[in-house]
Amino acid sequence: MVKSLNDFFTAWTMTEEQGRDAQIASATGDRIYYSDPRTEGVITDLDTLCGYVAQFLPMCPPGAKVTVADPVDSKDGHARATVHFVMSEEMQQTGQYFAELDGYGKITRLVGFAGKGAE
């Protein structure tokens, strides 16, 4: 189940458009619902999601990366992951993402929040 989350967030720093879009498509199910603090509204189609993800890398200096922290909690088709966005040494952000996964472990709903929440 973790593979789809890792694949989705790895795509954020892929430079080649077709490869990035294919990786996002392979990580998501037949339907998608995506929202995070920077989206203007809910994204519900693959093309719009791919376009949204494509905006990340051009805003970053070379070497930017996005990683899913271990462990990812999962239960009954749901997952919770902490994701690190490292644009540069000085510019980093952590997000908490909650996912619903289909029977194949593909993302069908992904909602992100800035920070890690209460600890």
Protein backbone atom coordinates (compact mmCIF):
# COMPACT_ATOMS: atom_id res chain seq x y z
CA MET A 1 0.00 0.00 0.00
CA VAL A 2 2.90 2.36 0.63
CA LYS A 3 4.18 2.02 -2.95
CA SER A 4 1.45 4.21 -4.45
CA LEU A 5 2.20 7.04 -2.00
CA ASN A 6 5.94 6.79 -2.60
CA ASP A 7 5.41 6.73 -6.37
CA PHE A 8 3.02 9.68 -6.27
CA PHE A 9 5.32 11.92 -4.25
CA THR A 10 8.48 10.85 -6.11
CA ALA A 11 6.76 12.14 -9.26
CA TRP A 12 6.81 15.67 -7.83
CA THR A 13 10.51 16.01 -8.68
CA MET A 14 10.59 14.17 -12.00
CA THR A 15 11.68 16.49 -14.81
CA GLU A 16 10.33 14.52 -17.77
CA GLU A 17 6.61 15.31 -18.22
CA GLN A 18 5.45 12.03 -19.78
CA GLY A 19 7.28 9.94 -17.19
CA ARG A 20 5.94 12.08 -14.34
CA ASP A 21 2.37 11.89 -15.63
CA ALA A 22 2.64 8.12 -16.16
CA GLN A 23 3.95 7.64 -12.63
CA ILE A 24 1.08 9.69 -11.17
CA ALA A 25 -1.40 7.68 -13.25
CA SER A 26 0.08 4.39 -12.05
CA ALA A 27 -0.19 5.53 -8.40
CA THR A 28 -3.84 6.57 -8.63
CA GLY A 29 -7.04 4.63 -9.08
CA ASP A 30 -9.80 5.04 -11.63
CA ARG A 31 -11.10 8.07 -9.78
CA ILE A 32 -9.19 10.67 -7.82
CA TYR A 33 -9.97 13.27 -5.17
CA TYR A 34 -7.02 15.46 -4.19
CA SER A 35 -6.78 18.47 -1.91
CA ASP A 36 -3.95 20.18 -0.02
CA PRO A 37 -3.40 23.64 1.50
CA ARG A 38 -2.25 25.09 -1.85
CA THR A 39 -5.02 23.81 -4.13
CA GLU A 40 -7.75 26.28 -5.02
CA GLY A 41 -10.32 23.53 -4.68
CA VAL A 42 -10.64 19.79 -4.91
CA ILE A 43 -8.92 18.18 -7.91
CA THR A 44 -10.97 15.34 -9.35
CA ASP A 45 -9.34 14.50 -12.67
CA LEU A 46 -5.95 13.10 -13.59
CA ASP A 47 -4.93 15.80 -16.09
CA THR A 48 -5.53 18.58 -13.58
CA LEU A 49 -3.66 16.64 -10.88
CA CYS A 50 -0.69 16.11 -13.21
CA GLY A 51 -0.69 19.82 -14.05
CA TYR A 52 -0.79 20.73 -10.37
CA VAL A 53 2.15 18.46 -9.51
CA ALA A 54 4.11 19.83 -12.51
CA GLN A 55 4.06 23.31 -10.92
CA PHE A 56 6.21 22.21 -7.97
CA LEU A 57 9.64 21.61 -9.49
CA PRO A 58 9.96 24.88 -11.48
CA MET A 59 9.60 26.77 -8.17
CA CYS A 60 12.56 24.92 -6.65
CA PRO A 61 16.31 25.15 -6.99
CA PRO A 62 18.17 22.10 -8.37
CA GLY A 63 18.24 19.17 -5.97
CA ALA A 64 14.73 19.58 -4.55
CA LYS A 65 13.16 16.39 -3.29
CA VAL A 66 9.93 15.08 -1.84
CA THR A 67 10.01 12.03 0.41
CA VAL A 68 7.47 9.98 2.30
CA ALA A 69 8.71 9.31 5.84
CA ASP A 70 8.64 5.80 7.26
CA PRO A 71 6.56 4.38 8.69
CA VAL A 72 3.33 4.96 6.80
CA ASP A 73 0.34 3.94 8.90
CA SER A 74 -2.26 1.93 7.03
CA LYS A 75 -5.47 0.14 7.91
CA ASP A 76 -8.40 -1.21 5.92
CA GLY A 77 -7.74 0.71 2.70
CA HIS A 78 -6.62 3.94 4.39
CA ALA A 79 -3.16 5.37 4.96
CA ARG A 80 -1.56 8.27 6.79
CA ALA A 81 1.82 9.55 5.69
CA THR A 82 4.20 12.32 6.66
CA VAL A 83 5.72 13.92 3.58
CA HIS A 84 8.83 16.11 3.52
CA PHE A 85 9.11 18.77 0.82
CA VAL A 86 12.75 19.91 0.64
CA MET A 87 13.09 22.79 -1.78
CA SER A 88 16.50 23.80 -0.37
CA GLU A 89 18.37 23.65 2.96
CA GLU A 90 16.66 26.88 4.00
CA MET A 91 13.22 26.09 2.60
CA GLN A 92 11.50 22.92 3.80
CA GLN A 93 7.96 21.96 4.71
CA THR A 94 6.36 18.88 6.20
CA GLY A 95 2.84 17.76 5.43
CA GLN A 96 0.49 15.13 6.78
CA TYR A 97 -1.50 13.26 4.11
CA PHE A 98 -4.50 11.00 4.55
CA ALA A 99 -5.28 8.57 1.74
CA GLU A 100 -8.03 6.21 0.73
CA LEU A 101 -6.78 3.33 -1.39
CA ASP A 102 -8.62 0.99 -3.73
CA GLY A 103 -8.33 -2.80 -3.64
CA TYR A 104 -5.08 -2.58 -5.63
CA GLY A 105 -3.46 -0.12 -3.22
CA LYS A 106 -3.92 2.82 -5.64
CA ILE A 107 -4.79 6.27 -4.31
CA THR A 108 -8.42 7.31 -4.80
CA ARG A 109 -8.54 10.14 -2.24
CA LEU A 110 -5.61 12.11 -0.88
CA VAL A 111 -5.98 15.06 1.48
CA GLY A 112 -2.94 16.92 2.77
CA PHE A 113 -2.40 19.31 5.67
CA ALA A 114 0.59 21.55 6.41
CA GLY A 115 2.69 20.41 9.35
CA LYS A 116 2.47 17.19 11.30
CA GLY A 117 -0.49 18.03 13.54
CA ALA A 118 -0.54 17.67 17.31
CA GLU A 119 2.28 15.61 18.76
